[in-house]
């Protein structure tokens, strides 16, 4: 075969481009003390992409998020944001770099008002001394505008989830880590939360979503990773995973 023939063959082949991940996690190992909960996880999220991390309870999903935002240390492996290592970087610095977490259970400041909770989000901004422009927040969460002088502890569960999400957005994140945003919420409120998530992605903010409701996560996200016993067992587009018999049998109930 001649060189010219080889070139024609090479030119006709479709080469899949390697994605440029904003968040790149390579062989992450982490846990609590000597206990290794996450045992070698690799995943990535592009700018403006919603990616799901799903699996059963105890698989290591929340532990993964905690390591990514610096709450617990990375034992080995690598976590990079825009090519810069986050290993050993403190939580505050990670947040100021643009990686912000919305934790499971909302964790709003119960004794502070809605407005005061939002201003707390300023500490994660690079321009933390500036007064926040909350107009876009009020547009996304009109209910919070109505409740802005009300103490967070008196809000409903759905309103508190909205507040936790709004507080993260005040920090002007480039990528959001979201841990079980639908937990304990009524279906109507879940729809509202996920409509906001879609809006976030539309403005090129990345989302890594941990969600117990696998069907919901696969409907909203573009790609997904399935986690089992501290490892990634499956990955692919959400359409691919919906048709995978292992995912259907284990998580979708059909």
C-alpha atoms as a PDB file:
ATOM      1  CA  UNK A   1       0.000   0.000   0.000  1.00  0.00           C
ATOM      2  CA  UNK A   2       1.366   3.406  -0.981  1.00  0.00           C
ATOM      3  CA  UNK A   3       1.686   6.453   1.246  1.00  0.00           C
ATOM      4  CA  UNK A   4      -0.897   8.201  -0.935  1.00  0.00           C
ATOM      5  CA  UNK A   5      -3.390   5.375  -0.315  1.00  0.00           C
ATOM      6  CA  UNK A   6      -2.770   5.536   3.424  1.00  0.00           C
ATOM      7  CA  UNK A   7      -3.407   9.265   3.431  1.00  0.00           C
ATOM      8  CA  UNK A   8      -6.756   8.730   1.678  1.00  0.00           C
ATOM      9  CA  UNK A   9      -7.734   6.161   4.324  1.00  0.00           C
ATOM     10  CA  UNK A  10      -6.663   8.421   7.188  1.00  0.00           C
ATOM     11  CA  UNK A  11      -8.556  11.358   5.712  1.00  0.00           C
ATOM     12  CA  UNK A  12     -11.734   9.294   5.440  1.00  0.00           C
ATOM     13  CA  UNK A  13     -11.646   8.181   9.074  1.00  0.00           C
ATOM     14  CA  UNK A  14     -13.657  10.148  11.630  1.00  0.00           C
ATOM     15  CA  UNK A  15     -11.483  10.789  14.656  1.00  0.00           C
ATOM     16  CA  UNK A  16     -13.410  11.501  17.827  1.00  0.00           C
ATOM     17  CA  UNK A  17     -12.067  14.662  19.458  1.00  0.00           C
ATOM     18  CA  UNK A  18     -10.879  14.453  23.026  1.00  0.00           C
ATOM     19  CA  UNK A  19     -13.162  16.718  25.076  1.00  0.00           C
ATOM     20  CA  UNK A  20     -11.647  19.708  26.828  1.00  0.00           C
ATOM     21  CA  UNK A  21     -12.803  19.243  30.390  1.00  0.00           C
ATOM     22  CA  UNK A  22     -13.108  22.265  32.641  1.00  0.00           C
ATOM     23  CA  UNK A  23     -13.095  19.843  35.570  1.00  0.00           C
ATOM     24  CA  UNK A  24     -10.864  16.807  35.084  1.00  0.00           C
ATOM     25  CA  UNK A  25     -10.643  14.093  37.739  1.00  0.00           C
ATOM     26  CA  UNK A  26      -8.078  11.339  37.266  1.00  0.00           C
ATOM     27  CA  UNK A  27      -7.932   8.206  39.433  1.00  0.00           C
ATOM     28  CA  UNK A  28      -9.221   9.976  42.549  1.00  0.00           C
ATOM     29  CA  UNK A  29      -8.780   8.123  45.842  1.00  0.00           C
ATOM     30  CA  UNK A  30     -10.260   9.601  49.007  1.00  0.00           C
ATOM     31  CA  UNK A  31     -12.200   8.792  52.144  1.00  0.00           C
ATOM     32  CA  UNK A  32     -12.279   9.350  55.882  1.00  0.00           C
ATOM     33  CA  UNK A  33      -9.201   8.568  57.945  1.00  0.00           C
ATOM     34  CA  UNK A  34      -7.898   5.169  56.874  1.00  0.00           C
ATOM     35  CA  UNK A  35     -11.205   4.263  55.208  1.00  0.00           C
ATOM     36  CA  UNK A  36     -11.016   4.532  51.416  1.00  0.00           C
ATOM     37  CA  UNK A  37     -14.520   5.224  50.103  1.00  0.00           C
ATOM     38  CA  UNK A  38     -13.545   6.410  46.616  1.00  0.00           C
ATOM     39  CA  UNK A  39     -11.023   4.024  45.112  1.00  0.00           C
ATOM     40  CA  UNK A  40      -9.999   5.372  41.735  1.00  0.00           C
ATOM     41  CA  UNK A  41     -12.590   7.604  40.085  1.00  0.00           C
ATOM     42  CA  UNK A  42     -11.982   9.404  36.799  1.00  0.00           C
ATOM     43  CA  UNK A  43     -14.502  11.785  35.266  1.00  0.00           C
ATOM     44  CA  UNK A  44     -14.791  15.118  33.506  1.00  0.00           C
ATOM     45  CA  UNK A  45     -17.181  18.037  33.009  1.00  0.00           C
ATOM     46  CA  UNK A  46     -17.012  20.550  30.161  1.00  0.00           C
ATOM     47  CA  UNK A  47     -18.067  24.184  30.365  1.00  0.00           C
ATOM     48  CA  UNK A  48     -21.821  24.520  29.962  1.00  0.00           C
ATOM     49  CA  UNK A  49     -22.397  20.788  30.412  1.00  0.00           C
ATOM     50  CA  UNK A  50     -24.591  18.992  32.946  1.00  0.00           C
ATOM     51  CA  UNK A  51     -23.129  15.645  33.989  1.00  0.00           C
ATOM     52  CA  UNK A  52     -24.770  13.191  36.375  1.00  0.00           C
ATOM     53  CA  UNK A  53     -23.019  11.012  38.940  1.00  0.00           C
ATOM     54  CA  UNK A  54     -25.491   8.333  39.967  1.00  0.00           C
ATOM     55  CA  UNK A  55     -25.475   5.116  41.931  1.00  0.00           C
ATOM     56  CA  UNK A  56     -26.826   3.433  45.029  1.00  0.00           C
ATOM     57  CA  UNK A  57     -26.458   4.726  48.589  1.00  0.00           C
ATOM     58  CA  UNK A  58     -22.925   4.276  49.874  1.00  0.00           C
ATOM     59  CA  UNK A  59     -21.354   4.145  46.420  1.00  0.00           C
ATOM     60  CA  UNK A  60     -19.128   7.163  47.185  1.00  0.00           C
ATOM     61  CA  UNK A  61     -20.907   9.936  45.263  1.00  0.00           C
ATOM     62  CA  UNK A  62     -21.094  12.525  48.053  1.00  0.00           C
ATOM     63  CA  UNK A  63     -17.575  11.654  49.188  1.00  0.00           C
ATOM     64  CA  UNK A  64     -16.371  12.381  45.653  1.00  0.00           C
ATOM     65  CA  UNK A  65     -17.968  15.834  45.692  1.00  0.00           C
ATOM     66  CA  UNK A  66     -16.492  16.602  49.111  1.00  0.00           C
ATOM     67  CA  UNK A  67     -13.017  15.796  47.848  1.00  0.00           C
ATOM     68  CA  UNK A  68     -13.486  17.919  44.717  1.00  0.00           C
ATOM     69  CA  UNK A  69     -14.346  21.029  46.736  1.00  0.00           C
ATOM     70  CA  UNK A  70     -11.641  20.456  49.363  1.00  0.00           C
ATOM     71  CA  UNK A  71     -13.795  19.433  52.332  1.00  0.00           C
ATOM     72  CA  UNK A  72     -11.840  16.175  52.618  1.00  0.00           C
ATOM     73  CA  UNK A  73      -8.316  15.607  51.273  1.00  0.00           C
ATOM     74  CA  UNK A  74      -7.375  13.919  48.019  1.00  0.00           C
ATOM     75  CA  UNK A  75      -5.318  10.883  49.063  1.00  0.00           C
ATOM     76  CA  UNK A  76      -4.062  10.170  45.557  1.00  0.00           C
ATOM     77  CA  UNK A  77      -4.967  10.935  41.992  1.00  0.00           C
ATOM     78  CA  UNK A  78      -5.530  14.360  40.504  1.00  0.00           C
ATOM     79  CA  UNK A  79      -8.268  16.995  40.369  1.00  0.00           C
ATOM     80  CA  UNK A  80      -7.803  19.847  37.912  1.00  0.00           C
ATOM     81  CA  UNK A  81      -9.866  22.922  37.109  1.00  0.00           C
ATOM     82  CA  UNK A  82      -8.911  24.509  33.793  1.00  0.00           C
ATOM     83  CA  UNK A  83      -5.703  22.491  33.901  1.00  0.00           C
ATOM     84  CA  UNK A  84      -4.687  23.734  37.355  1.00  0.00           C
ATOM     85  CA  UNK A  85      -4.337  21.201  40.151  1.00  0.00           C
ATOM     86  CA  UNK A  86      -6.669  21.571  43.136  1.00  0.00           C
ATOM     87  CA  UNK A  87      -4.873  18.927  45.170  1.00  0.00           C
ATOM     88  CA  UNK A  88      -4.035  20.365  48.577  1.00  0.00           C
ATOM     89  CA  UNK A  89      -5.859  23.644  47.838  1.00  0.00           C
ATOM     90  CA  UNK A  90      -8.181  24.931  50.575  1.00  0.00           C
ATOM     91  CA  UNK A  91     -11.956  25.065  50.245  1.00  0.00           C
ATOM     92  CA  UNK A  92     -12.082  28.874  50.127  1.00  0.00           C
ATOM     93  CA  UNK A  93      -9.503  29.069  47.341  1.00  0.00           C
ATOM     94  CA  UNK A  94     -11.315  26.367  45.361  1.00  0.00           C
ATOM     95  CA  UNK A  95     -14.573  28.309  45.640  1.00  0.00           C
ATOM     96  CA  UNK A  96     -12.868  31.509  44.511  1.00  0.00           C
ATOM     97  CA  UNK A  97     -11.482  29.601  41.538  1.00  0.00           C
ATOM     98  CA  UNK A  98     -15.094  28.977  40.498  1.00  0.00           C
ATOM     99  CA  UNK A  99     -15.912  25.498  41.855  1.00  0.00           C
ATOM    100  CA  UNK A 100     -18.857  25.846  44.263  1.00  0.00           C
ATOM    101  CA  UNK A 101     -20.926  23.178  45.998  1.00  0.00           C
ATOM    102  CA  UNK A 102     -24.630  23.071  46.837  1.00  0.00           C
ATOM    103  CA  UNK A 103     -24.612  20.528  49.680  1.00  0.00           C
ATOM    104  CA  UNK A 104     -27.103  17.833  50.479  1.00  0.00           C
ATOM    105  CA  UNK A 105     -29.663  18.932  53.075  1.00  0.00           C
ATOM    106  CA  UNK A 106     -29.559  22.632  52.008  1.00  0.00           C
ATOM    107  CA  UNK A 107     -27.491  23.764  55.042  1.00  0.00           C
ATOM    108  CA  UNK A 108     -28.716  27.340  54.981  1.00  0.00           C
ATOM    109  CA  UNK A 109     -28.107  29.588  57.965  1.00  0.00           C
ATOM    110  CA  UNK A 110     -31.362  29.176  59.820  1.00  0.00           C
ATOM    111  CA  UNK A 111     -31.124  32.328  61.984  1.00  0.00           C
ATOM    112  CA  UNK A 112     -30.208  34.636  59.081  1.00  0.00           C
ATOM    113  CA  UNK A 113     -32.668  36.182  56.669  1.00  0.00           C
ATOM    114  CA  UNK A 114     -32.851  35.146  53.026  1.00  0.00           C
ATOM    115  CA  UNK A 115     -30.953  38.291  52.019  1.00  0.00           C
ATOM    116  CA  UNK A 116     -28.283  37.703  54.662  1.00  0.00           C
ATOM    117  CA  UNK A 117     -27.818  34.115  53.477  1.00  0.00           C
ATOM    118  CA  UNK A 118     -27.236  35.398  49.963  1.00  0.00           C
ATOM    119  CA  UNK A 119     -24.629  37.907  51.089  1.00  0.00           C
ATOM    120  CA  UNK A 120     -22.742  35.069  52.792  1.00  0.00           C
ATOM    121  CA  UNK A 121     -22.142  33.714  49.293  1.00  0.00           C
ATOM    122  CA  UNK A 122     -19.966  36.750  48.606  1.00  0.00           C
ATOM    123  CA  UNK A 123     -17.002  35.278  50.467  1.00  0.00           C
ATOM    124  CA  UNK A 124     -16.504  32.873  47.585  1.00  0.00           C
ATOM    125  CA  UNK A 125     -16.274  35.675  45.020  1.00  0.00           C
ATOM    126  CA  UNK A 126     -13.006  37.150  43.870  1.00  0.00           C
ATOM    127  CA  UNK A 127     -14.600  40.585  44.182  1.00  0.00           C
ATOM    128  CA  UNK A 128     -15.999  39.867  47.618  1.00  0.00           C
ATOM    129  CA  UNK A 129     -16.112  43.520  48.699  1.00  0.00           C
ATOM    130  CA  UNK A 130     -18.541  44.481  45.973  1.00  0.00           C
ATOM    131  CA  UNK A 131     -22.236  44.608  46.752  1.00  0.00           C
ATOM    132  CA  UNK A 132     -23.977  41.732  44.993  1.00  0.00           C
ATOM    133  CA  UNK A 133     -26.217  42.362  42.032  1.00  0.00           C
ATOM    134  CA  UNK A 134     -29.172  40.250  43.042  1.00  0.00           C
ATOM    135  CA  UNK A 135     -31.519  41.215  40.228  1.00  0.00           C
ATOM    136  CA  UNK A 136     -30.793  38.019  38.301  1.00  0.00           C
ATOM    137  CA  UNK A 137     -31.232  35.987  41.494  1.00  0.00           C
ATOM    138  CA  UNK A 138     -34.657  37.517  42.148  1.00  0.00           C
ATOM    139  CA  UNK A 139     -35.634  36.792  38.526  1.00  0.00           C
ATOM    140  CA  UNK A 140     -34.661  33.138  38.883  1.00  0.00           C
ATOM    141  CA  UNK A 141     -36.206  32.824  42.350  1.00  0.00           C
ATOM    142  CA  UNK A 142     -39.152  35.241  42.669  1.00  0.00           C
ATOM    143  CA  UNK A 143     -40.288  33.422  45.810  1.00  0.00           C
ATOM    144  CA  UNK A 144     -37.035  34.386  47.524  1.00  0.00           C
ATOM    145  CA  UNK A 145     -37.684  38.032  46.699  1.00  0.00           C
ATOM    146  CA  UNK A 146     -40.992  37.746  48.498  1.00  0.00           C
ATOM    147  CA  UNK A 147     -39.226  36.100  51.462  1.00  0.00           C
ATOM    148  CA  UNK A 148     -36.040  38.189  51.415  1.00  0.00           C
ATOM    149  CA  UNK A 149     -36.560  39.593  54.961  1.00  0.00           C
ATOM    150  CA  UNK A 150     -37.719  36.271  56.384  1.00  0.00           C
ATOM    151  CA  UNK A 151     -35.421  34.039  58.460  1.00  0.00           C
ATOM    152  CA  UNK A 152     -34.255  31.013  56.496  1.00  0.00           C
ATOM    153  CA  UNK A 153     -35.299  28.620  59.245  1.00  0.00           C
ATOM    154  CA  UNK A 154     -38.957  29.536  58.673  1.00  0.00           C
ATOM    155  CA  UNK A 155     -38.898  28.687  54.948  1.00  0.00           C
ATOM    156  CA  UNK A 156     -40.348  25.491  53.511  1.00  0.00           C
ATOM    157  CA  UNK A 157     -38.001  22.729  52.396  1.00  0.00           C
ATOM    158  CA  UNK A 158     -38.381  23.733  48.773  1.00  0.00           C
ATOM    159  CA  UNK A 159     -37.689  27.385  49.537  1.00  0.00           C
ATOM    160  CA  UNK A 160     -34.586  26.425  51.499  1.00  0.00           C
ATOM    161  CA  UNK A 161     -33.329  24.378  48.544  1.00  0.00           C
ATOM    162  CA  UNK A 162     -33.880  27.370  46.283  1.00  0.00           C
ATOM    163  CA  UNK A 163     -31.987  29.544  48.768  1.00  0.00           C
ATOM    164  CA  UNK A 164     -29.046  27.114  48.915  1.00  0.00           C
ATOM    165  CA  UNK A 165     -28.857  27.151  45.119  1.00  0.00           C
ATOM    166  CA  UNK A 166     -29.223  30.933  44.934  1.00  0.00           C
ATOM    167  CA  UNK A 167     -26.475  31.405  47.548  1.00  0.00           C
ATOM    168  CA  UNK A 168     -24.124  29.333  45.388  1.00  0.00           C
ATOM    169  CA  UNK A 169     -24.981  31.367  42.289  1.00  0.00           C
ATOM    170  CA  UNK A 170     -24.156  34.645  44.082  1.00  0.00           C
ATOM    171  CA  UNK A 171     -20.569  33.345  44.190  1.00  0.00           C
ATOM    172  CA  UNK A 172     -20.532  33.494  40.363  1.00  0.00           C
ATOM    173  CA  UNK A 173     -19.430  29.862  39.907  1.00  0.00           C
ATOM    174  CA  UNK A 174     -18.015  28.427  36.733  1.00  0.00           C
ATOM    175  CA  UNK A 175     -18.952  24.937  37.840  1.00  0.00           C
ATOM    176  CA  UNK A 176     -21.526  23.793  40.388  1.00  0.00           C
ATOM    177  CA  UNK A 177     -21.378  20.587  42.381  1.00  0.00           C
ATOM    178  CA  UNK A 178     -24.924  19.665  43.379  1.00  0.00           C
ATOM    179  CA  UNK A 179     -25.663  16.960  45.940  1.00  0.00           C
ATOM    180  CA  UNK A 180     -29.179  15.470  45.906  1.00  0.00           C
ATOM    181  CA  UNK A 181     -31.117  18.670  45.040  1.00  0.00           C
ATOM    182  CA  UNK A 182     -34.459  16.834  44.779  1.00  0.00           C
ATOM    183  CA  UNK A 183     -34.272  15.063  48.134  1.00  0.00           C
ATOM    184  CA  UNK A 184     -37.419  15.518  50.231  1.00  0.00           C
ATOM    185  CA  UNK A 185     -39.095  17.934  47.815  1.00  0.00           C
ATOM    186  CA  UNK A 186     -42.570  17.853  46.310  1.00  0.00           C
ATOM    187  CA  UNK A 187     -42.734  17.077  42.559  1.00  0.00           C
ATOM    188  CA  UNK A 188     -43.725  20.648  41.664  1.00  0.00           C
ATOM    189  CA  UNK A 189     -40.745  22.069  43.557  1.00  0.00           C
ATOM    190  CA  UNK A 190     -38.413  19.521  41.957  1.00  0.00           C
ATOM    191  CA  UNK A 191     -39.553  20.759  38.548  1.00  0.00           C
ATOM    192  CA  UNK A 192     -38.723  24.334  39.579  1.00  0.00           C
ATOM    193  CA  UNK A 193     -35.258  23.364  40.844  1.00  0.00           C
ATOM    194  CA  UNK A 194     -34.421  21.513  37.644  1.00  0.00           C
ATOM    195  CA  UNK A 195     -35.688  24.342  35.483  1.00  0.00           C
ATOM    196  CA  UNK A 196     -33.126  26.542  37.244  1.00  0.00           C
ATOM    197  CA  UNK A 197     -30.427  23.929  36.606  1.00  0.00           C
ATOM    198  CA  UNK A 198     -31.251  24.028  32.892  1.00  0.00           C
ATOM    199  CA  UNK A 199     -30.965  27.841  32.988  1.00  0.00           C
ATOM    200  CA  UNK A 200     -27.577  27.596  34.677  1.00  0.00           C
ATOM    201  CA  UNK A 201     -26.241  25.282  31.991  1.00  0.00           C
ATOM    202  CA  UNK A 202     -27.547  27.561  29.247  1.00  0.00           C
ATOM    203  CA  UNK A 203     -25.181  30.324  30.416  1.00  0.00           C
ATOM    204  CA  UNK A 204     -22.160  28.006  30.147  1.00  0.00           C
ATOM    205  CA  UNK A 205     -21.917  27.087  33.821  1.00  0.00           C
ATOM    206  CA  UNK A 206     -20.980  23.443  34.229  1.00  0.00           C
ATOM    207  CA  UNK A 207     -22.901  21.178  36.612  1.00  0.00           C
ATOM    208  CA  UNK A 208     -21.838  17.910  38.226  1.00  0.00           C
ATOM    209  CA  UNK A 209     -25.030  16.481  39.667  1.00  0.00           C
ATOM    210  CA  UNK A 210     -25.336  13.743  42.283  1.00  0.00           C
ATOM    211  CA  UNK A 211     -28.931  12.571  42.261  1.00  0.00           C
ATOM    212  CA  UNK A 212     -30.689   9.570  43.795  1.00  0.00           C
ATOM    213  CA  UNK A 213     -33.511   9.937  41.275  1.00  0.00           C
ATOM    214  CA  UNK A 214     -31.606   8.383  38.385  1.00  0.00           C
ATOM    215  CA  UNK A 215     -34.420   8.767  35.856  1.00  0.00           C
ATOM    216  CA  UNK A 216     -34.616  12.500  36.549  1.00  0.00           C
ATOM    217  CA  UNK A 217     -30.839  12.937  36.338  1.00  0.00           C
ATOM    218  CA  UNK A 218     -30.642  11.141  32.996  1.00  0.00           C
ATOM    219  CA  UNK A 219     -33.445  13.308  31.605  1.00  0.00           C
ATOM    220  CA  UNK A 220     -31.685  16.559  32.529  1.00  0.00           C
ATOM    221  CA  UNK A 221     -28.017  15.792  31.893  1.00  0.00           C
ATOM    222  CA  UNK A 222     -26.080  15.133  28.713  1.00  0.00           C
ATOM    223  CA  UNK A 223     -23.700  12.504  30.085  1.00  0.00           C
ATOM    224  CA  UNK A 224     -23.553  10.356  33.189  1.00  0.00           C
ATOM    225  CA  UNK A 225     -21.262   8.190  35.263  1.00  0.00           C
ATOM    226  CA  UNK A 226     -22.558   5.254  37.286  1.00  0.00           C
ATOM    227  CA  UNK A 227     -20.681   4.700  40.537  1.00  0.00           C
ATOM    228  CA  UNK A 228     -20.552   1.432  42.469  1.00  0.00           C
ATOM    229  CA  UNK A 229     -18.465   0.604  45.540  1.00  0.00           C
ATOM    230  CA  UNK A 230     -16.076   3.517  45.035  1.00  0.00           C
ATOM    231  CA  UNK A 231     -15.488   2.963  41.319  1.00  0.00           C
ATOM    232  CA  UNK A 232     -17.032   4.148  38.048  1.00  0.00           C
ATOM    233  CA  UNK A 233     -18.717   1.080  36.580  1.00  0.00           C
ATOM    234  CA  UNK A 234     -20.398   2.677  33.538  1.00  0.00           C
ATOM    235  CA  UNK A 235     -20.227   5.950  31.654  1.00  0.00           C
ATOM    236  CA  UNK A 236     -21.665   7.413  28.504  1.00  0.00           C
ATOM    237  CA  UNK A 237     -24.363   9.656  27.131  1.00  0.00           C
ATOM    238  CA  UNK A 238     -27.598   9.635  29.087  1.00  0.00           C
ATOM    239  CA  UNK A 239     -29.394   8.188  26.072  1.00  0.00           C
ATOM    240  CA  UNK A 240     -26.936   5.305  25.986  1.00  0.00           C
ATOM    241  CA  UNK A 241     -27.287   4.621  29.695  1.00  0.00           C
ATOM    242  CA  UNK A 242     -31.093   4.737  29.548  1.00  0.00           C
ATOM    243  CA  UNK A 243     -31.010   1.866  27.084  1.00  0.00           C
ATOM    244  CA  UNK A 244     -28.403  -0.128  29.024  1.00  0.00           C
ATOM    245  CA  UNK A 245     -30.076  -3.164  30.586  1.00  0.00           C
ATOM    246  CA  UNK A 246     -27.913  -2.901  33.720  1.00  0.00           C
ATOM    247  CA  UNK A 247     -29.023   0.686  34.349  1.00  0.00           C
ATOM    248  CA  UNK A 248     -32.667  -0.111  33.597  1.00  0.00           C
ATOM    249  CA  UNK A 249     -32.712  -3.107  35.906  1.00  0.00           C
ATOM    250  CA  UNK A 250     -30.782  -1.487  38.773  1.00  0.00           C
ATOM    251  CA  UNK A 251     -31.957   2.120  38.739  1.00  0.00           C
ATOM    252  CA  UNK A 252     -34.873   2.745  36.398  1.00  0.00           C
ATOM    253  CA  UNK A 253     -37.163  -0.096  37.411  1.00  0.00           C
ATOM    254  CA  UNK A 254     -37.978  -1.248  33.899  1.00  0.00           C
END
